Amino acid sequence: MKRRDFIKRSGSGAFLLSSGAFPFSAAIDDPNLVKLTILHTNDVHSRIDPFPMDGGRNQGMGGASKRATLIKQLRKENDNVLLLDCGDIFQGTPYFNFFAGELEMKLMTEMGYDAGTIGNHDFDAGIDGLEKQLKHANFPLLIANYDLKNTVLHKKVEPYKIFKKSGLKIGVFGIGIALEGLVPKKLYKETVYLDPIDNAQKTATHLKEEMKCDYVICLSHLGYTYDEKRVCDIHLAHMTKDIDLILGGHTHTFMRKPDIRRNIIGKEVVINQVGWAGLMLGKIDIVFEKGSSQKCHTCKNTFIS
């Protein structure tokens, strides 16, 4: 869908994803219900400033300052918030050319990001350049299907992290795209790409069954879907279990509403992605019923203008 048509049709993009047996609004007053708010970005591509006022379709939109203001406001309105990114933090404006990712990491730290994953463009200053910028980030980069043991990122990047919010355990892990053909070998060096479906399944099952997480989120940089038979978020949803939410990147897809798919055992998986360049902030609210597997989602993908 063309972005201009998308804006006309969807506005702020609020949709109810009905996967629970109770009314969403009840979470405000019912002590047996807990609400978790997921905020997310992808493919920001070093877009620090809003788009210039040059008559283009994105003029005046986006920018780190506006995103930070919106995030701050949403944190005031919601008790349990996770802020996540799905990769390609780097590359796309002169800020990256001059500062090699330092500014992006510092700004994300100021905004309070909880975790992110690695996109192919995050290797554009080389794996050594990516490692150099980690000192500016007080949040982890997570990736479960890159073997990094023979690289400078060994033990500096983990497959997953568990967050605790009001008694809930939320498992978050990252899955990256195949680098060969997208990134020169000299930039990612001895990084070994592992099967994304197998490693997503192993990680999700570990989080759900062994670590007893109530909810499992995959930060994916595989891409939402393709015409050809390439692994994508839809394949990931259909071919695994134990993943509740896939937040995507790479394909720069402005989703009118989240996609709900059935996993390999027939349970719902929510997929969402919010375009590129920091033009949108995704917001997904999940209400959990204590002591039950019941949960209900709402989503609002908001343009930052």
Protein backbone atom coordinates (compact mmCIF):
# COMPACT_ATOMS: atom_id res chain seq x y z
CA MET A 1 0.00 0.00 0.00
CA LYS A 2 1.31 3.47 -0.88
CA ARG A 3 2.11 5.50 2.21
CA ARG A 4 -0.13 8.41 1.16
CA ASP A 5 -3.13 6.09 0.78
CA PHE A 6 -2.20 4.44 4.07
CA ILE A 7 -2.43 7.75 5.93
CA LYS A 8 -5.80 8.57 4.40
CA ARG A 9 -7.28 5.19 5.24
CA SER A 10 -5.84 4.46 8.66
CA GLY A 11 -5.32 7.74 10.52
CA SER A 12 -3.59 6.83 13.76
CA GLY A 13 -4.23 3.16 13.16
CA ALA A 14 -6.00 1.87 16.25
CA PHE A 15 -7.30 -1.72 16.12
CA LEU A 16 -8.56 -4.27 18.61
CA LEU A 17 -7.02 -7.72 18.41
CA SER A 18 -9.47 -9.96 20.19
CA SER A 19 -7.62 -12.91 21.68
CA GLY A 20 -9.05 -12.77 25.17
CA ALA A 21 -12.32 -13.44 26.92
CA PHE A 22 -12.69 -10.17 28.84
CA PRO A 23 -13.25 -6.53 27.88
CA PHE A 24 -10.00 -4.60 27.37
CA SER A 25 -11.20 -1.55 29.30
CA ALA A 26 -11.64 -3.65 32.45
CA ALA A 27 -7.87 -3.62 33.00
CA ILE A 28 -8.04 -0.16 34.56
CA ASP A 29 -10.06 -1.26 37.60
CA ASP A 30 -9.73 -5.02 37.89
CA PRO A 31 -6.86 -6.12 40.22
CA ASN A 32 -6.82 -9.51 38.49
CA LEU A 33 -5.79 -7.90 35.21
CA VAL A 34 -2.36 -6.49 34.31
CA LYS A 35 -1.65 -4.30 31.29
CA LEU A 36 1.68 -4.32 29.47
CA THR A 37 2.47 -1.64 26.88
CA ILE A 38 4.96 -2.40 24.11
CA LEU A 39 6.37 0.58 22.17
CA HIS A 40 8.49 -0.24 19.14
CA THR A 41 10.44 1.12 16.18
CA ASN A 42 12.35 -0.37 13.26
CA ASP A 43 14.64 0.80 10.46
CA VAL A 44 15.10 4.28 11.88
CA HIS A 45 18.24 4.58 9.70
CA SER A 46 19.96 7.45 11.52
CA ARG A 47 16.99 9.79 10.98
CA ILE A 48 17.74 12.20 13.82
CA ASP A 49 15.97 15.29 12.48
CA PRO A 50 12.44 15.51 11.08
CA PHE A 51 12.24 15.33 7.30
CA PRO A 52 13.03 18.74 5.77
CA MET A 53 10.28 21.14 4.75
CA ASP A 54 10.97 20.67 1.06
CA GLY A 55 7.52 19.82 -0.24
CA GLY A 56 8.11 16.08 0.03
CA ARG A 57 5.45 13.72 1.32
CA ASN A 58 7.28 13.25 4.65
CA GLN A 59 8.11 16.92 5.27
CA GLY A 60 8.16 17.85 8.94
CA MET A 61 7.49 14.30 10.08
CA GLY A 62 9.54 12.07 12.34
CA GLY A 63 12.65 13.08 14.24
CA ALA A 64 14.19 11.89 17.49
CA SER A 65 12.93 14.83 19.57
CA LYS A 66 9.28 14.27 18.66
CA ARG A 67 9.61 10.54 19.22
CA ALA A 68 11.18 11.14 22.63
CA THR A 69 8.32 13.47 23.59
CA LEU A 70 5.70 10.90 22.55
CA ILE A 71 7.49 8.11 24.42
CA LYS A 72 7.71 10.25 27.56
CA GLN A 73 4.00 11.00 27.36
CA LEU A 74 3.09 7.33 26.92
CA ARG A 75 5.25 6.33 29.88
CA LYS A 76 3.33 8.78 32.05
CA GLU A 77 0.04 7.25 30.91
CA ASN A 78 1.05 3.58 31.28
CA ASP A 79 2.62 1.75 34.22
CA ASN A 80 4.35 -1.18 32.53
CA VAL A 81 6.20 -0.13 29.37
CA LEU A 82 8.83 -1.82 27.21
CA LEU A 83 10.51 0.16 24.41
CA LEU A 84 12.04 -2.03 21.69
CA ASP A 85 13.76 -1.68 18.32
CA CYS A 86 14.01 -4.16 15.45
CA GLY A 87 17.27 -3.18 13.81
CA ASP A 88 18.84 -0.96 11.15
CA ILE A 89 19.50 1.73 13.71
CA PHE A 90 22.41 2.94 11.54
CA GLN A 91 22.89 4.36 8.02
CA GLY A 92 20.85 6.80 5.99
CA THR A 93 21.83 10.37 6.94
CA PRO A 94 25.10 12.33 7.35
CA TYR A 95 24.84 11.83 11.12
CA PHE A 96 25.96 8.24 10.59
CA ASN A 97 28.68 9.26 8.15
CA PHE A 98 30.15 11.68 10.70
CA PHE A 99 29.54 9.91 14.01
CA ALA A 100 29.39 6.22 12.98
CA GLY A 101 26.38 5.42 15.19
CA GLU A 102 27.41 7.14 18.41
CA LEU A 103 24.64 9.72 18.28
CA GLU A 104 21.96 7.10 17.53
CA MET A 105 22.97 4.99 20.53
CA LYS A 106 23.14 7.98 22.85
CA LEU A 107 19.70 9.19 21.80
CA MET A 108 18.15 5.74 22.21
CA THR A 109 19.72 5.57 25.66
CA GLU A 110 18.18 8.94 26.54
CA MET A 111 14.78 7.70 25.33
CA GLY A 112 15.09 4.64 27.58
CA TYR A 113 15.08 1.81 25.06
CA ASP A 114 14.96 -1.54 26.82
CA ALA A 115 16.37 -3.70 24.00
CA GLY A 116 16.97 -3.91 20.28
CA THR A 117 18.19 -6.35 17.67
CA ILE A 118 20.81 -6.11 14.91
CA GLY A 119 19.90 -5.22 11.33
CA ASN A 120 22.12 -5.70 8.29
CA HIS A 121 22.89 -1.96 8.09
CA ASP A 122 24.14 -1.99 11.66
CA PHE A 123 27.28 -3.61 10.21
CA ASP A 124 27.88 -0.70 7.80
CA ALA A 125 30.79 0.60 9.88
CA GLY A 126 31.96 -2.97 10.33
CA ILE A 127 31.45 -5.30 13.25
CA ASP A 128 34.27 -3.47 15.03
CA GLY A 129 32.40 -0.20 14.50
CA LEU A 130 29.22 -1.69 15.96
CA GLU A 131 31.12 -3.00 18.98
CA LYS A 132 32.68 0.43 19.50
CA GLN A 133 29.24 2.04 19.82
CA LEU A 134 27.90 -0.42 22.41
CA LYS A 135 29.52 1.61 25.18
CA HIS A 136 27.07 4.40 24.38
CA ALA A 137 24.03 2.14 24.80
CA ASN A 138 22.63 1.22 28.21
CA PHE A 139 20.30 -1.29 26.54
CA PRO A 140 21.24 -4.70 25.10
CA LEU A 141 21.26 -5.78 21.48
CA LEU A 142 19.76 -9.27 21.26
CA ILE A 143 20.36 -11.84 18.51
CA ALA A 144 19.72 -15.60 18.74
CA ASN A 145 20.76 -16.75 15.27
CA TYR A 146 24.17 -15.13 14.81
CA ASP A 147 27.12 -17.10 16.20
CA LEU A 148 29.49 -14.36 17.34
CA LYS A 149 32.01 -16.38 19.32
CA ASN A 150 34.89 -15.57 16.97
CA THR A 151 34.10 -11.85 16.78
CA VAL A 152 34.52 -8.74 18.92
CA LEU A 153 30.83 -9.05 19.88
CA HIS A 154 31.38 -12.34 21.72
CA LYS A 155 29.74 -12.09 25.16
CA LYS A 156 28.69 -8.50 24.38
CA VAL A 157 25.48 -9.48 22.59
CA GLU A 158 23.06 -12.00 24.10
CA PRO A 159 20.29 -14.08 22.47
CA TYR A 160 17.53 -12.91 24.83
CA LYS A 161 16.62 -10.94 27.92
CA ILE A 162 13.81 -11.36 30.45
CA PHE A 163 11.96 -8.33 31.79
CA LYS A 164 9.74 -8.38 34.89
CA LYS A 165 6.70 -6.11 34.98
CA SER A 166 4.09 -6.25 37.77
CA GLY A 167 4.61 -9.96 38.32
CA LEU A 168 4.81 -10.79 34.61
CA LYS A 169 7.91 -12.30 33.00
CA ILE A 170 8.41 -11.05 29.45
CA GLY A 171 10.98 -12.83 27.29
CA VAL A 172 12.46 -10.84 24.41
CA PHE A 173 14.85 -12.23 21.78
CA GLY A 174 16.26 -11.18 18.42
CA ILE A 175 16.39 -12.89 15.01
CA GLY A 176 18.49 -11.48 12.16
CA ILE A 177 18.53 -11.75 8.39
CA ALA A 178 21.16 -13.64 6.37
CA LEU A 179 24.08 -11.24 5.88
CA GLU A 180 25.65 -12.84 2.83
CA GLY A 181 24.71 -10.84 -0.24
CA LEU A 182 23.52 -7.89 1.86
CA VAL A 183 26.71 -7.04 3.73
CA PRO A 184 30.31 -7.44 2.52
CA LYS A 185 32.07 -10.26 4.33
CA LYS A 186 34.86 -7.91 5.46
CA LEU A 187 32.29 -5.99 7.53
CA TYR A 188 30.70 -8.85 9.44
CA LYS A 189 33.86 -10.99 9.47
CA GLU A 190 33.43 -14.29 11.34
CA THR A 191 29.76 -13.82 12.19
CA VAL A 192 28.01 -17.12 11.41
CA TYR A 193 24.37 -17.04 10.32
CA LEU A 194 22.25 -19.78 11.90
CA ASP A 195 18.84 -21.01 10.77
CA PRO A 196 16.32 -18.40 11.97
CA ILE A 197 13.35 -20.77 12.35
CA ASP A 198 15.26 -23.40 14.33
CA ASN A 199 16.94 -20.88 16.60
CA ALA A 200 13.78 -18.87 17.14
CA GLN A 201 12.01 -22.06 18.19
CA LYS A 202 14.78 -23.12 20.56
CA THR A 203 14.92 -19.69 22.16
CA ALA A 204 11.15 -19.23 22.43
CA THR A 205 10.66 -22.69 23.96
CA HIS A 206 13.48 -22.05 26.43
CA LEU A 207 11.84 -18.78 27.46
CA LYS A 208 8.31 -20.19 27.68
CA GLU A 209 8.91 -23.63 29.18
CA GLU A 210 12.17 -23.42 31.10
CA MET A 211 12.23 -19.75 32.12
CA LYS A 212 8.41 -19.69 32.61
CA CYS A 213 7.85 -16.45 30.72
CA ASP A 214 4.25 -15.28 30.47
CA TYR A 215 4.80 -13.67 27.09
CA VAL A 216 7.49 -14.03 24.41
CA ILE A 217 8.42 -11.31 21.92
CA CYS A 218 10.63 -11.80 18.88
CA LEU A 219 12.47 -8.76 17.54
CA SER A 220 12.84 -9.75 13.90
CA HIS A 221 14.89 -8.25 11.10
CA LEU A 222 13.85 -10.91 8.60
CA GLY A 223 11.26 -8.81 6.76
CA TYR A 224 7.47 -9.07 6.83
CA THR A 225 6.89 -10.98 3.56
CA TYR A 226 8.39 -11.49 0.09
CA ASP A 227 7.18 -12.62 -3.32
CA GLU A 228 9.85 -15.30 -3.49
CA LYS A 229 10.34 -18.13 -1.02
CA ARG A 230 12.54 -16.33 1.49
CA VAL A 231 12.11 -16.75 5.22
CA CYS A 232 10.06 -13.90 6.64
CA ASP A 233 7.96 -12.99 9.67
CA ILE A 234 4.93 -14.83 8.30
CA HIS A 235 6.98 -18.03 7.92
CA LEU A 236 8.36 -17.50 11.41
CA ALA A 237 4.85 -17.25 12.84
CA HIS A 238 3.50 -20.30 10.98
CA MET A 239 6.49 -22.61 11.56
CA THR A 240 7.08 -22.12 15.30
CA LYS A 241 5.28 -22.16 18.63
CA ASP A 242 5.77 -20.26 21.91
CA ILE A 243 6.15 -16.85 20.22
CA ASP A 244 3.32 -14.46 21.10
CA LEU A 245 4.40 -11.31 19.26
CA ILE A 246 6.72 -10.69 16.29
CA LEU A 247 7.89 -7.11 15.90
CA GLY A 248 9.47 -6.78 12.48
CA GLY A 249 11.84 -4.76 10.37
CA HIS A 250 13.89 -4.73 7.15
CA THR A 251 11.04 -4.46 4.61
CA HIS A 252 10.01 -0.95 5.76
CA THR A 253 6.38 -2.06 5.86
CA PHE A 254 3.82 0.52 7.01
CA MET A 255 1.21 -1.85 8.39
CA ARG A 256 -2.38 -0.60 8.40
CA LYS A 257 -3.07 -3.03 11.20
CA PRO A 258 -1.19 -5.92 12.78
CA ASP A 259 -1.31 -9.29 11.04
CA ILE A 260 -2.65 -12.18 13.13
CA ARG A 261 -1.40 -15.61 12.08
CA ARG A 262 -1.76 -19.11 13.49
CA ASN A 263 1.36 -20.88 14.68
CA ILE A 264 2.27 -24.51 14.16
CA ILE A 265 -0.14 -25.63 16.91
CA GLY A 266 -2.94 -23.24 15.95
CA LYS A 267 -2.39 -20.44 18.47
CA GLU A 268 -2.47 -16.77 17.49
CA VAL A 269 0.73 -14.83 16.77
CA VAL A 270 0.60 -11.07 16.31
CA ILE A 271 2.94 -9.48 13.72
CA ASN A 272 3.52 -5.73 13.53
CA GLN A 273 5.94 -3.35 11.76
CA VAL A 274 6.04 0.46 11.58
CA GLY A 275 7.67 1.47 8.31
CA TRP A 276 11.03 3.23 8.45
CA ALA A 277 12.94 6.44 9.29
CA GLY A 278 11.19 6.93 12.64
CA LEU A 279 8.00 8.11 10.94
CA MET A 280 5.88 5.91 13.20
CA LEU A 281 5.86 4.57 16.73
CA GLY A 282 4.13 1.26 17.30
CA LYS A 283 2.11 0.78 20.49
CA ILE A 284 0.67 -2.58 21.49
CA ASP A 285 -1.21 -3.00 24.77
CA ILE A 286 -1.62 -6.49 26.17
CA VAL A 287 -3.90 -7.22 29.10
CA PHE A 288 -3.18 -10.40 31.06
CA GLU A 289 -5.52 -12.19 33.44
CA LYS A 290 -3.57 -13.33 36.49
CA GLY A 291 -3.33 -17.09 36.80
CA SER A 292 -4.70 -17.60 33.29
CA SER A 293 -3.42 -17.84 29.72
CA GLN A 294 -6.13 -15.39 28.62
CA LYS A 295 -4.91 -12.12 27.14
CA CYS A 296 -6.23 -9.34 24.93
CA HIS A 297 -4.36 -6.97 22.61
CA THR A 298 -4.90 -3.53 21.15
CA CYS A 299 -2.57 -1.80 18.71
CA LYS A 300 -2.08 1.80 17.65
CA ASN A 301 0.58 2.64 15.06
CA THR A 302 1.01 6.42 15.25
CA PHE A 303 2.65 8.74 12.73
CA ILE A 304 5.04 11.17 14.43
CA SER A 305 4.32 14.63 13.06
